[in-house]
């Protein structure tokens, strides 16, 4: 995955000292995103397209700076299909890895959303594989109060070196996180606070257990 560009807050929003970031990852598997709209929840219009003349191609990502706050986000792909998240709290680093499962709209303020098969939490957790050569085969993340790791968050996926993977948890709690690489080496993070704005966690060899 490669980064296409980095944009400062614009189109009526000015970044302040307490700025957050919104990262949009195009993980649709074949559809390019032509328009991105980011609007404060109290606004009655979507405003201008934040991509401008750019296109967010499949497999690429983009980061926007915004003031801390609550936002509605709408993406429009090349087929004019819409992906909308309402009431997104951005108070640090918010990541949306958009897939075809996100077609339509969801109210993030409800705390959960359901894609028909799995109920996801309200906070995005993004793991960045920065090991420099080792693929991550398993990711576990459970509240610290739990005694077991639970399900593998990657499922049938592999987090290749240099890539990111996003999953969802219920924000507002301490979590234990463990990654397991291709050599069965583990990288464990104990009692990590995950707020409603989610977590961005780079994993490198310095984190080996």
N, C-alpha and C. Protein backbone atom coordinates (compact mmCIF):
# COMPACT_ATOMS: atom_id res chain seq x y z
N UNK A 1 0.83 -1.18 0.00
CA UNK A 1 0.00 0.00 0.00
C UNK A 1 0.87 1.24 0.00
N UNK A 2 0.54 2.21 -0.83
CA UNK A 2 1.34 3.42 -0.85
C UNK A 2 0.49 4.64 -0.61
N UNK A 3 1.11 5.60 -0.02
CA UNK A 3 0.43 6.84 0.32
C UNK A 3 0.45 7.76 -0.89
N UNK A 4 -0.71 8.33 -1.23
CA UNK A 4 -0.75 9.17 -2.41
C UNK A 4 -0.51 10.64 -2.11
N UNK A 5 -1.00 11.13 -0.98
CA UNK A 5 -0.80 12.54 -0.66
C UNK A 5 -1.22 12.79 0.77
N UNK A 6 -0.80 13.95 1.26
CA UNK A 6 -1.16 14.37 2.61
C UNK A 6 -1.72 15.77 2.52
N UNK A 7 -2.96 15.97 2.98
CA UNK A 7 -3.62 17.26 2.86
C UNK A 7 -3.88 17.85 4.23
N UNK A 8 -3.61 19.14 4.38
CA UNK A 8 -3.99 19.84 5.58
C UNK A 8 -5.46 20.17 5.53
N UNK A 9 -6.05 20.47 6.68
CA UNK A 9 -7.46 20.82 6.73
C UNK A 9 -7.73 22.00 5.82
N UNK A 10 -8.82 21.91 5.10
CA UNK A 10 -9.14 22.96 4.15
C UNK A 10 -10.64 23.07 4.00
N UNK A 11 -11.05 23.89 3.02
CA UNK A 11 -12.46 24.01 2.67
C UNK A 11 -13.30 24.38 3.87
N UNK A 12 -12.87 25.39 4.62
CA UNK A 12 -13.68 25.90 5.71
C UNK A 12 -13.31 25.38 7.07
N UNK A 13 -12.42 24.38 7.14
CA UNK A 13 -11.97 23.86 8.42
C UNK A 13 -10.48 24.18 8.57
N UNK A 14 -10.11 24.79 9.69
CA UNK A 14 -8.72 25.16 9.91
C UNK A 14 -8.19 24.37 11.09
N UNK A 15 -7.06 23.67 10.90
CA UNK A 15 -6.48 22.88 11.98
C UNK A 15 -6.02 23.77 13.12
N UNK A 16 -6.19 23.28 14.33
CA UNK A 16 -5.78 24.00 15.52
C UNK A 16 -4.72 23.20 16.24
N UNK A 17 -4.31 23.71 17.43
CA UNK A 17 -3.28 23.01 18.20
C UNK A 17 -3.76 21.62 18.60
N UNK A 18 -5.09 21.49 18.84
CA UNK A 18 -5.64 20.18 19.19
C UNK A 18 -6.22 19.55 17.94
N UNK A 19 -5.34 19.11 17.05
CA UNK A 19 -5.78 18.60 15.75
C UNK A 19 -5.83 17.08 15.76
N UNK A 20 -6.78 16.54 14.99
CA UNK A 20 -6.87 15.11 14.78
C UNK A 20 -6.52 14.79 13.34
N UNK A 21 -6.51 13.49 13.05
CA UNK A 21 -6.23 13.04 11.68
C UNK A 21 -7.30 12.05 11.27
N UNK A 22 -7.71 12.13 10.01
CA UNK A 22 -8.61 11.15 9.42
C UNK A 22 -7.85 10.47 8.29
N UNK A 23 -7.63 9.16 8.42
CA UNK A 23 -6.98 8.39 7.36
C UNK A 23 -8.03 7.56 6.65
N UNK A 24 -8.08 7.71 5.33
CA UNK A 24 -8.99 6.92 4.50
C UNK A 24 -8.16 5.94 3.69
N UNK A 25 -8.44 4.64 3.85
CA UNK A 25 -7.75 3.59 3.11
C UNK A 25 -8.74 2.99 2.11
N UNK A 26 -8.39 3.03 0.84
CA UNK A 26 -9.25 2.43 -0.17
C UNK A 26 -8.95 0.94 -0.28
N UNK A 27 -9.77 0.16 0.39
CA UNK A 27 -9.61 -1.30 0.40
C UNK A 27 -10.81 -1.96 -0.25
N UNK A 28 -11.37 -1.27 -1.28
CA UNK A 28 -12.57 -1.77 -1.94
C UNK A 28 -12.30 -2.97 -2.84
N UNK A 29 -11.04 -3.14 -3.24
CA UNK A 29 -10.69 -4.29 -4.07
C UNK A 29 -10.91 -4.07 -5.56
N UNK A 30 -10.96 -2.80 -5.99
CA UNK A 30 -11.08 -2.58 -7.43
C UNK A 30 -11.77 -1.30 -7.84
N UNK A 31 -12.29 -0.54 -6.89
CA UNK A 31 -13.02 0.68 -7.22
C UNK A 31 -12.27 1.90 -6.69
N UNK A 32 -12.06 2.85 -7.55
CA UNK A 32 -11.37 4.09 -7.15
C UNK A 32 -12.37 5.06 -6.53
N UNK A 33 -11.90 5.82 -5.55
CA UNK A 33 -12.75 6.81 -4.89
C UNK A 33 -12.48 8.17 -5.51
N UNK A 34 -13.53 8.80 -6.01
CA UNK A 34 -13.40 10.06 -6.72
C UNK A 34 -13.67 11.28 -5.86
N UNK A 35 -14.46 11.10 -4.79
CA UNK A 35 -14.83 12.25 -3.95
C UNK A 35 -14.78 11.86 -2.47
N UNK A 36 -14.29 12.78 -1.66
CA UNK A 36 -14.29 12.63 -0.20
C UNK A 36 -14.89 13.90 0.40
N UNK A 37 -15.90 13.71 1.23
CA UNK A 37 -16.53 14.84 1.92
C UNK A 37 -16.40 14.63 3.43
N UNK A 38 -15.94 15.66 4.12
CA UNK A 38 -15.80 15.62 5.57
C UNK A 38 -16.49 16.86 6.11
N UNK A 39 -17.55 16.64 6.88
CA UNK A 39 -18.37 17.76 7.31
C UNK A 39 -18.65 17.66 8.81
N UNK A 40 -18.53 18.76 9.57
CA UNK A 40 -18.91 18.72 10.98
C UNK A 40 -20.36 18.26 11.13
N UNK A 41 -20.64 17.51 12.18
CA UNK A 41 -21.97 16.93 12.33
C UNK A 41 -23.06 18.00 12.43
N UNK A 42 -22.70 19.21 12.86
CA UNK A 42 -23.70 20.27 12.99
C UNK A 42 -23.89 21.07 11.70
N UNK A 43 -23.22 20.67 10.63
CA UNK A 43 -23.36 21.35 9.35
C UNK A 43 -24.53 20.77 8.58
N UNK A 44 -25.23 21.62 7.81
CA UNK A 44 -26.37 21.14 7.03
C UNK A 44 -26.00 20.84 5.58
N UNK A 45 -24.70 20.84 5.25
CA UNK A 45 -24.27 20.51 3.90
C UNK A 45 -22.95 19.76 3.96
N UNK A 46 -22.64 19.03 2.88
CA UNK A 46 -21.40 18.27 2.82
C UNK A 46 -20.20 19.16 2.51
N UNK A 47 -20.44 20.31 1.88
CA UNK A 47 -19.33 21.19 1.55
C UNK A 47 -18.57 20.72 0.32
N UNK A 48 -17.30 21.12 0.24
CA UNK A 48 -16.50 20.82 -0.94
C UNK A 48 -15.86 19.43 -0.87
N UNK A 49 -15.48 18.95 -2.02
CA UNK A 49 -14.76 17.68 -2.14
C UNK A 49 -13.32 17.86 -1.67
N UNK A 50 -12.90 17.07 -0.69
CA UNK A 50 -11.56 17.21 -0.13
C UNK A 50 -10.48 16.63 -1.03
N UNK A 51 -10.84 15.79 -1.98
CA UNK A 51 -9.83 15.24 -2.89
C UNK A 51 -9.44 16.24 -3.98
N UNK A 52 -10.33 17.18 -4.28
CA UNK A 52 -10.02 18.13 -5.34
C UNK A 52 -9.84 17.41 -6.66
N UNK A 53 -8.70 17.60 -7.30
CA UNK A 53 -8.44 16.98 -8.60
C UNK A 53 -7.81 15.60 -8.47
N UNK A 54 -7.59 15.14 -7.24
CA UNK A 54 -6.95 13.84 -7.02
C UNK A 54 -7.97 12.71 -7.06
N UNK A 55 -7.49 11.49 -7.20
CA UNK A 55 -8.30 10.27 -7.11
C UNK A 55 -7.64 9.35 -6.09
N UNK A 56 -8.42 8.77 -5.22
CA UNK A 56 -7.90 7.81 -4.25
C UNK A 56 -8.05 6.41 -4.86
N UNK A 57 -6.98 5.95 -5.48
CA UNK A 57 -7.03 4.69 -6.21
C UNK A 57 -7.10 3.51 -5.23
N UNK A 58 -7.66 2.40 -5.73
CA UNK A 58 -7.75 1.19 -4.93
C UNK A 58 -6.37 0.79 -4.42
N UNK A 59 -6.27 0.51 -3.13
CA UNK A 59 -5.01 0.11 -2.52
C UNK A 59 -4.19 1.25 -1.97
N UNK A 60 -4.62 2.49 -2.18
CA UNK A 60 -3.88 3.65 -1.67
C UNK A 60 -4.62 4.27 -0.49
N UNK A 61 -3.94 5.19 0.19
CA UNK A 61 -4.57 5.86 1.32
C UNK A 61 -4.20 7.33 1.36
N UNK A 62 -4.95 8.08 2.16
CA UNK A 62 -4.77 9.51 2.26
C UNK A 62 -5.07 9.94 3.70
N UNK A 63 -4.40 10.98 4.16
CA UNK A 63 -4.59 11.48 5.52
C UNK A 63 -4.99 12.96 5.47
N UNK A 64 -6.01 13.31 6.24
CA UNK A 64 -6.45 14.69 6.35
C UNK A 64 -6.27 15.16 7.79
N UNK A 65 -5.84 16.40 7.97
CA UNK A 65 -5.82 17.05 9.28
C UNK A 65 -7.15 17.77 9.49
N UNK A 66 -7.74 17.60 10.67
CA UNK A 66 -8.97 18.30 11.03
C UNK A 66 -8.87 18.72 12.49
N UNK A 67 -9.58 19.77 12.89
CA UNK A 67 -9.67 20.07 14.31
C UNK A 67 -10.40 18.94 15.04
N UNK A 68 -10.07 18.72 16.32
CA UNK A 68 -10.80 17.72 17.10
C UNK A 68 -12.29 18.01 17.03
N UNK A 69 -13.08 16.93 16.91
CA UNK A 69 -14.52 17.11 16.88
C UNK A 69 -15.22 15.90 16.31
N UNK A 70 -16.51 16.06 16.03
CA UNK A 70 -17.34 15.00 15.49
C UNK A 70 -17.70 15.33 14.04
N UNK A 71 -17.59 14.33 13.17
CA UNK A 71 -17.74 14.57 11.73
C UNK A 71 -18.63 13.52 11.08
N UNK A 72 -19.20 13.92 9.95
CA UNK A 72 -19.81 12.98 9.01
C UNK A 72 -18.85 12.86 7.82
N UNK A 73 -18.65 11.64 7.33
CA UNK A 73 -17.72 11.40 6.23
C UNK A 73 -18.46 10.65 5.12
N UNK A 74 -18.35 11.16 3.90
CA UNK A 74 -18.94 10.48 2.75
C UNK A 74 -17.90 10.29 1.66
N UNK A 75 -17.80 9.08 1.14
CA UNK A 75 -16.94 8.75 0.03
C UNK A 75 -17.81 8.36 -1.17
N UNK A 76 -17.39 8.75 -2.35
CA UNK A 76 -18.12 8.40 -3.58
C UNK A 76 -17.13 7.77 -4.54
N UNK A 77 -17.45 6.56 -5.02
CA UNK A 77 -16.52 5.88 -5.91
C UNK A 77 -16.85 6.16 -7.38
N UNK A 78 -16.12 5.50 -8.26
CA UNK A 78 -16.22 5.76 -9.70
C UNK A 78 -17.59 5.41 -10.27
N UNK A 79 -18.36 4.56 -9.55
CA UNK A 79 -19.70 4.19 -9.99
C UNK A 79 -20.78 5.04 -9.31
N UNK A 80 -20.36 6.11 -8.64
CA UNK A 80 -21.27 6.97 -7.88
C UNK A 80 -21.90 6.27 -6.69
N UNK A 81 -21.32 5.14 -6.25
CA UNK A 81 -21.77 4.50 -5.02
C UNK A 81 -21.23 5.27 -3.82
N UNK A 82 -22.03 5.34 -2.75
CA UNK A 82 -21.68 6.14 -1.58
C UNK A 82 -21.39 5.25 -0.38
N UNK A 83 -20.40 5.69 0.39
CA UNK A 83 -20.03 5.06 1.66
C UNK A 83 -20.06 6.19 2.70
N UNK A 84 -20.93 6.08 3.70
CA UNK A 84 -21.12 7.20 4.63
C UNK A 84 -21.01 6.72 6.07
N UNK A 85 -20.25 7.46 6.86
CA UNK A 85 -20.22 7.28 8.30
C UNK A 85 -20.66 8.58 8.96
N UNK A 86 -21.70 8.49 9.80
CA UNK A 86 -22.18 9.64 10.54
C UNK A 86 -21.65 9.61 11.97
N UNK A 87 -21.49 10.80 12.54
CA UNK A 87 -21.14 10.94 13.97
C UNK A 87 -19.83 10.25 14.32
N UNK A 88 -18.80 10.51 13.52
CA UNK A 88 -17.47 9.94 13.79
C UNK A 88 -16.71 10.88 14.72
N UNK A 89 -16.30 10.38 15.86
CA UNK A 89 -15.51 11.18 16.80
C UNK A 89 -14.04 11.15 16.42
N UNK A 90 -13.47 12.32 16.14
CA UNK A 90 -12.05 12.41 15.76
C UNK A 90 -11.34 13.26 16.80
N UNK A 91 -10.60 12.60 17.69
CA UNK A 91 -9.89 13.31 18.75
C UNK A 91 -8.43 12.92 18.82
N UNK A 92 -7.98 12.15 17.87
CA UNK A 92 -6.57 11.80 17.75
C UNK A 92 -6.33 11.31 16.33
N UNK A 93 -6.36 10.01 16.11
CA UNK A 93 -6.11 9.45 14.79
C UNK A 93 -7.23 8.48 14.46
N UNK A 94 -8.05 8.82 13.48
CA UNK A 94 -9.17 7.97 13.09
C UNK A 94 -8.88 7.34 11.73
N UNK A 95 -9.05 6.04 11.63
CA UNK A 95 -8.76 5.31 10.40
C UNK A 95 -10.03 4.63 9.90
N UNK A 96 -10.31 4.85 8.63
CA UNK A 96 -11.41 4.13 7.98
C UNK A 96 -10.85 3.35 6.80
N UNK A 97 -10.74 2.04 6.97
CA UNK A 97 -10.36 1.17 5.86
C UNK A 97 -11.62 0.75 5.14
N UNK A 98 -11.98 1.48 4.11
CA UNK A 98 -13.28 1.30 3.48
C UNK A 98 -13.27 0.09 2.55
N UNK A 99 -14.27 -0.76 2.69
CA UNK A 99 -14.45 -1.95 1.86
C UNK A 99 -15.86 -1.91 1.26
N UNK A 100 -16.17 -2.87 0.41
CA UNK A 100 -17.50 -2.93 -0.18
C UNK A 100 -18.58 -3.19 0.87
N UNK A 101 -18.19 -3.74 2.02
CA UNK A 101 -19.14 -3.94 3.11
C UNK A 101 -19.65 -2.62 3.67
N UNK A 102 -18.93 -1.53 3.38
CA UNK A 102 -19.30 -0.23 3.92
C UNK A 102 -20.26 0.54 3.02
N UNK A 103 -20.66 -0.04 1.90
CA UNK A 103 -21.61 0.64 1.03
C UNK A 103 -22.87 1.02 1.80
N UNK A 104 -23.35 2.24 1.55
CA UNK A 104 -24.51 2.74 2.27
C UNK A 104 -24.09 3.66 3.39
N UNK A 105 -24.80 3.63 4.51
CA UNK A 105 -24.49 4.55 5.61
C UNK A 105 -24.61 3.84 6.94
N UNK A 106 -23.90 4.37 7.93
CA UNK A 106 -23.93 3.84 9.29
C UNK A 106 -23.76 4.98 10.26
N UNK A 107 -24.47 4.92 11.37
CA UNK A 107 -24.36 5.93 12.41
C UNK A 107 -23.37 5.44 13.45
N UNK A 108 -22.15 6.00 13.44
CA UNK A 108 -21.12 5.57 14.38
C UNK A 108 -21.43 5.99 15.80
N UNK A 109 -22.30 6.97 15.96
CA UNK A 109 -22.66 7.43 17.30
C UNK A 109 -23.44 6.40 18.09
N UNK A 110 -23.95 5.36 17.39
CA UNK A 110 -24.70 4.32 18.09
C UNK A 110 -23.81 3.41 18.91
N UNK A 111 -22.49 3.47 18.66
CA UNK A 111 -21.55 2.62 19.38
C UNK A 111 -21.22 1.34 18.65
N UNK A 112 -22.16 0.86 17.82
CA UNK A 112 -21.93 -0.36 17.06
C UNK A 112 -22.58 -0.24 15.70
N UNK A 113 -22.10 -1.00 14.74
CA UNK A 113 -22.84 -1.17 13.50
C UNK A 113 -22.72 -2.61 13.06
N UNK A 114 -23.63 -3.02 12.22
CA UNK A 114 -23.75 -4.42 11.83
C UNK A 114 -23.73 -4.52 10.31
N UNK A 115 -22.84 -5.32 9.75
CA UNK A 115 -22.80 -5.47 8.29
C UNK A 115 -23.60 -6.67 7.82
N UNK A 116 -24.40 -7.25 8.74
CA UNK A 116 -25.22 -8.40 8.39
C UNK A 116 -24.65 -9.71 8.91
N UNK A 117 -23.36 -9.73 9.16
CA UNK A 117 -22.72 -10.95 9.65
C UNK A 117 -22.04 -10.74 11.00
N UNK A 118 -21.37 -9.61 11.15
CA UNK A 118 -20.56 -9.38 12.33
C UNK A 118 -20.87 -8.02 12.92
N UNK A 119 -20.99 -7.95 14.22
CA UNK A 119 -21.16 -6.67 14.90
C UNK A 119 -19.80 -6.12 15.25
N UNK A 120 -19.55 -4.90 14.84
CA UNK A 120 -18.27 -4.26 15.06
C UNK A 120 -18.40 -3.21 16.15
N UNK A 121 -17.30 -2.93 16.84
CA UNK A 121 -17.30 -1.86 17.82
C UNK A 121 -17.18 -0.50 17.17
N UNK A 122 -17.17 0.52 17.98
CA UNK A 122 -17.19 1.89 17.48
C UNK A 122 -15.81 2.47 17.25
N UNK A 123 -14.76 1.79 17.70
CA UNK A 123 -13.39 2.33 17.62
C UNK A 123 -12.53 1.49 16.68
N UNK A 124 -11.89 2.17 15.72
CA UNK A 124 -11.03 1.48 14.76
C UNK A 124 -9.63 1.29 15.35
N UNK A 125 -9.12 0.07 15.28
CA UNK A 125 -7.75 -0.24 15.70
C UNK A 125 -6.97 -0.63 14.45
N UNK A 126 -5.93 0.14 14.15
CA UNK A 126 -5.11 -0.13 12.97
C UNK A 126 -3.72 -0.57 13.41
N UNK A 127 -3.31 -1.75 12.98
CA UNK A 127 -1.98 -2.28 13.27
C UNK A 127 -1.12 -2.10 12.03
N UNK A 128 0.01 -1.44 12.19
CA UNK A 128 0.95 -1.25 11.08
C UNK A 128 2.15 -2.17 11.28
N UNK A 129 2.40 -3.04 10.31
CA UNK A 129 3.52 -3.98 10.38
C UNK A 129 4.80 -3.27 9.95
N UNK A 130 5.61 -2.88 10.94
CA UNK A 130 6.86 -2.17 10.70
C UNK A 130 8.05 -3.03 11.11
N UNK A 131 7.90 -4.37 10.98
CA UNK A 131 8.95 -5.28 11.44
C UNK A 131 10.15 -5.31 10.51
N UNK A 132 9.97 -4.88 9.28
CA UNK A 132 11.09 -4.85 8.35
C UNK A 132 11.39 -6.17 7.69
N UNK A 133 10.39 -7.06 7.59
CA UNK A 133 10.65 -8.31 6.88
C UNK A 133 9.86 -9.50 7.36
N UNK A 134 9.04 -9.33 8.38
CA UNK A 134 8.30 -10.46 8.94
C UNK A 134 6.79 -10.20 8.81
N UNK A 135 6.09 -11.16 8.25
CA UNK A 135 4.64 -11.05 8.10
C UNK A 135 3.95 -11.46 9.40
N UNK A 136 2.86 -10.81 9.73
CA UNK A 136 2.10 -11.11 10.94
C UNK A 136 0.93 -12.00 10.55
N UNK A 137 0.83 -13.14 11.21
CA UNK A 137 -0.18 -14.13 10.87
C UNK A 137 -1.39 -14.08 11.79
N UNK A 138 -1.21 -13.59 13.01
CA UNK A 138 -2.33 -13.56 13.96
C UNK A 138 -2.31 -12.23 14.73
N UNK A 139 -3.50 -11.70 15.01
CA UNK A 139 -3.65 -10.53 15.87
C UNK A 139 -4.77 -10.82 16.87
N UNK A 140 -4.46 -10.63 18.14
CA UNK A 140 -5.45 -10.82 19.19
C UNK A 140 -5.63 -9.50 19.93
N UNK A 141 -6.86 -9.20 20.29
CA UNK A 141 -7.14 -7.97 21.01
C UNK A 141 -8.40 -8.17 21.85
N UNK A 142 -8.24 -8.20 23.15
CA UNK A 142 -9.36 -8.37 24.06
C UNK A 142 -9.23 -7.40 25.23
N UNK A 143 -10.35 -7.01 25.83
CA UNK A 143 -10.25 -6.17 27.03
C UNK A 143 -9.31 -6.78 28.06
N UNK A 144 -8.55 -5.95 28.74
CA UNK A 144 -7.55 -6.44 29.70
C UNK A 144 -8.17 -7.25 30.83
N UNK A 145 -9.44 -7.04 31.08
CA UNK A 145 -10.11 -7.78 32.15
C UNK A 145 -10.35 -9.24 31.78
N UNK A 146 -10.24 -9.58 30.49
CA UNK A 146 -10.47 -10.95 30.04
C UNK A 146 -9.23 -11.80 30.30
N UNK A 147 -9.44 -13.08 30.54
CA UNK A 147 -8.32 -13.98 30.83
C UNK A 147 -7.83 -14.72 29.59
N UNK A 148 -8.58 -14.64 28.48
CA UNK A 148 -8.19 -15.32 27.25
C UNK A 148 -8.10 -14.33 26.10
N UNK A 149 -7.34 -14.70 25.07
CA UNK A 149 -7.14 -13.81 23.94
C UNK A 149 -8.35 -13.73 23.02
N UNK A 150 -9.11 -14.79 22.93
CA UNK A 150 -10.26 -14.77 22.05
C UNK A 150 -9.88 -15.04 20.61
N UNK A 151 -10.71 -14.54 19.66
CA UNK A 151 -10.54 -14.86 18.25
C UNK A 151 -9.38 -14.10 17.63
N UNK A 152 -8.85 -14.70 16.57
CA UNK A 152 -7.82 -14.05 15.77
C UNK A 152 -8.48 -12.97 14.92
N UNK A 153 -8.07 -11.72 15.10
CA UNK A 153 -8.70 -10.61 14.38
C UNK A 153 -8.39 -10.62 12.89
N UNK A 154 -7.30 -11.27 12.49
CA UNK A 154 -6.95 -11.31 11.08
C UNK A 154 -7.79 -12.31 10.29
N UNK A 155 -8.32 -13.32 10.97
CA UNK A 155 -9.07 -14.34 10.26
C UNK A 155 -8.20 -15.04 9.23
N UNK A 156 -8.62 -15.01 7.97
CA UNK A 156 -7.86 -15.66 6.90
C UNK A 156 -6.84 -14.72 6.26
N UNK A 157 -6.75 -13.49 6.76
CA UNK A 157 -5.83 -12.51 6.19
C UNK A 157 -4.42 -12.67 6.77
N UNK A 158 -3.44 -12.09 6.09
CA UNK A 158 -2.07 -11.97 6.59
C UNK A 158 -1.70 -10.50 6.55
N UNK A 159 -1.10 -10.00 7.62
CA UNK A 159 -0.64 -8.62 7.63
C UNK A 159 0.81 -8.61 7.15
N UNK A 160 0.97 -8.32 5.86
CA UNK A 160 2.29 -8.35 5.24
C UNK A 160 3.16 -7.21 5.78
N UNK A 161 4.45 -7.43 5.76
CA UNK A 161 5.38 -6.39 6.19
C UNK A 161 5.15 -5.11 5.39
N UNK A 162 5.01 -3.99 6.09
CA UNK A 162 4.79 -2.71 5.45
C UNK A 162 3.34 -2.35 5.23
N UNK A 163 2.42 -3.25 5.54
CA UNK A 163 0.99 -2.99 5.37
C UNK A 163 0.32 -2.69 6.70
N UNK A 164 -0.93 -2.26 6.61
CA UNK A 164 -1.76 -1.99 7.77
C UNK A 164 -2.99 -2.88 7.75
N UNK A 165 -3.56 -3.12 8.94
CA UNK A 165 -4.81 -3.85 9.04
C UNK A 165 -5.68 -3.19 10.12
N UNK A 166 -6.95 -3.00 9.80
CA UNK A 166 -7.87 -2.31 10.71
C UNK A 166 -8.99 -3.25 11.13
N UNK A 167 -9.27 -3.27 12.44
CA UNK A 167 -10.43 -3.97 12.96
C UNK A 167 -11.10 -3.05 13.98
N UNK A 168 -12.24 -3.47 14.50
CA UNK A 168 -13.05 -2.59 15.34
C UNK A 168 -13.28 -3.21 16.71
N UNK A 169 -13.24 -2.35 17.74
CA UNK A 169 -13.55 -2.77 19.10
C UNK A 169 -14.46 -1.72 19.73
N UNK A 170 -14.98 -2.04 20.88
CA UNK A 170 -15.79 -1.08 21.62
C UNK A 170 -14.86 -0.13 22.35
N UNK A 171 -14.88 1.15 22.00
CA UNK A 171 -13.97 2.12 22.59
C UNK A 171 -14.29 2.42 24.05
N UNK A 172 -13.29 2.95 24.74
CA UNK A 172 -13.47 3.35 26.14
C UNK A 172 -13.07 2.28 27.13
N UNK A 173 -12.00 1.54 26.83
CA UNK A 173 -11.57 0.47 27.72
C UNK A 173 -10.09 0.19 27.49
N UNK A 174 -9.48 -0.53 28.44
CA UNK A 174 -8.10 -0.99 28.30
C UNK A 174 -8.09 -2.35 27.62
N UNK A 175 -7.17 -2.51 26.65
CA UNK A 175 -7.09 -3.75 25.90
C UNK A 175 -5.68 -4.31 25.93
N UNK A 176 -5.58 -5.64 25.89
CA UNK A 176 -4.31 -6.32 25.65
C UNK A 176 -4.28 -6.71 24.18
N UNK A 177 -3.15 -6.47 23.52
CA UNK A 177 -3.02 -6.72 22.10
C UNK A 177 -1.79 -7.60 21.87
N UNK A 178 -1.96 -8.64 21.09
CA UNK A 178 -0.82 -9.50 20.77
C UNK A 178 -0.79 -9.81 19.27
N UNK A 179 0.38 -9.62 18.67
CA UNK A 179 0.61 -9.99 17.27
C UNK A 179 1.58 -11.18 17.24
N UNK A 180 1.35 -12.08 16.31
CA UNK A 180 2.21 -13.27 16.16
C UNK A 180 2.69 -13.31 14.72
N UNK A 181 4.03 -13.37 14.53
CA UNK A 181 4.54 -13.34 13.17
C UNK A 181 4.75 -14.74 12.61
N UNK A 182 5.30 -14.79 11.42
CA UNK A 182 5.47 -16.05 10.70
C UNK A 182 6.39 -17.04 11.42
N UNK A 183 7.26 -16.54 12.31
CA UNK A 183 8.16 -17.40 13.09
C UNK A 183 7.61 -17.74 14.46
N UNK A 184 6.33 -17.42 14.67
CA UNK A 184 5.66 -17.63 15.96
C UNK A 184 6.22 -16.73 17.06
N UNK A 185 6.98 -15.70 16.69
CA UNK A 185 7.41 -14.70 17.66
C UNK A 185 6.23 -13.79 17.99
N UNK A 186 6.14 -13.34 19.24
CA UNK A 186 5.01 -12.54 19.69
C UNK A 186 5.43 -11.13 20.06
N UNK A 187 4.48 -10.22 19.87
CA UNK A 187 4.64 -8.81 20.21
C UNK A 187 3.40 -8.46 21.02
N UNK A 188 3.58 -8.26 22.32
CA UNK A 188 2.43 -8.09 23.21
C UNK A 188 2.43 -6.70 23.83
N UNK A 189 1.25 -6.09 23.82
CA UNK A 189 1.05 -4.76 24.39
C UNK A 189 -0.05 -4.89 25.45
N UNK A 190 0.32 -4.62 26.71
CA UNK A 190 -0.61 -4.82 27.81
C UNK A 190 -1.28 -3.51 28.20
N UNK A 191 -2.56 -3.62 28.51
CA UNK A 191 -3.35 -2.51 29.07
C UNK A 191 -3.20 -1.22 28.24
N UNK A 192 -3.53 -1.34 26.98
CA UNK A 192 -3.50 -0.20 26.07
C UNK A 192 -4.88 0.45 26.07
N UNK A 193 -4.93 1.74 26.35
CA UNK A 193 -6.21 2.44 26.34
C UNK A 193 -6.66 2.68 24.91
N UNK A 194 -7.89 2.28 24.61
CA UNK A 194 -8.48 2.54 23.30
C UNK A 194 -9.74 3.35 23.50
N UNK A 195 -9.67 4.62 23.14
CA UNK A 195 -10.83 5.49 23.25
C UNK A 195 -11.73 5.34 22.04
N UNK A 196 -12.79 6.13 22.00
CA UNK A 196 -13.73 6.06 20.89
C UNK A 196 -13.12 6.53 19.57
N UNK A 197 -11.98 7.25 19.67
CA UNK A 197 -11.30 7.70 18.45
C UNK A 197 -10.36 6.63 17.89
N UNK A 198 -10.28 5.48 18.56
CA UNK A 198 -9.50 4.37 18.03
C UNK A 198 -8.03 4.42 18.39
N UNK A 199 -7.25 3.59 17.72
CA UNK A 199 -5.83 3.44 18.02
C UNK A 199 -5.06 3.13 16.74
N UNK A 200 -3.91 3.77 16.58
CA UNK A 200 -2.98 3.44 15.50
C UNK A 200 -1.72 2.90 16.15
N UNK A 201 -1.37 1.63 15.87
CA UNK A 201 -0.29 0.95 16.58
C UNK A 201 0.74 0.38 15.61
N UNK A 202 1.91 1.03 15.48
CA UNK A 202 3.00 0.44 14.70
C UNK A 202 3.65 -0.68 15.52
N UNK A 203 4.00 -1.78 14.86
CA UNK A 203 4.65 -2.91 15.52
C UNK A 203 5.99 -3.14 14.85
N UNK A 204 7.09 -3.05 15.64
CA UNK A 204 8.42 -3.28 15.06
C UNK A 204 9.18 -4.29 15.92
N UNK A 205 10.41 -4.60 15.52
CA UNK A 205 11.18 -5.64 16.22
C UNK A 205 11.52 -5.25 17.65
N UNK A 206 11.49 -3.96 17.95
CA UNK A 206 11.72 -3.53 19.32
C UNK A 206 10.60 -3.93 20.27
N UNK A 207 9.47 -4.36 19.71
CA UNK A 207 8.32 -4.77 20.52
C UNK A 207 8.29 -6.28 20.75
N UNK A 208 9.30 -7.01 20.27
CA UNK A 208 9.33 -8.46 20.49
C UNK A 208 9.29 -8.79 21.98
N UNK A 209 8.52 -9.83 22.34
CA UNK A 209 8.47 -10.28 23.74
C UNK A 209 9.77 -10.93 24.14
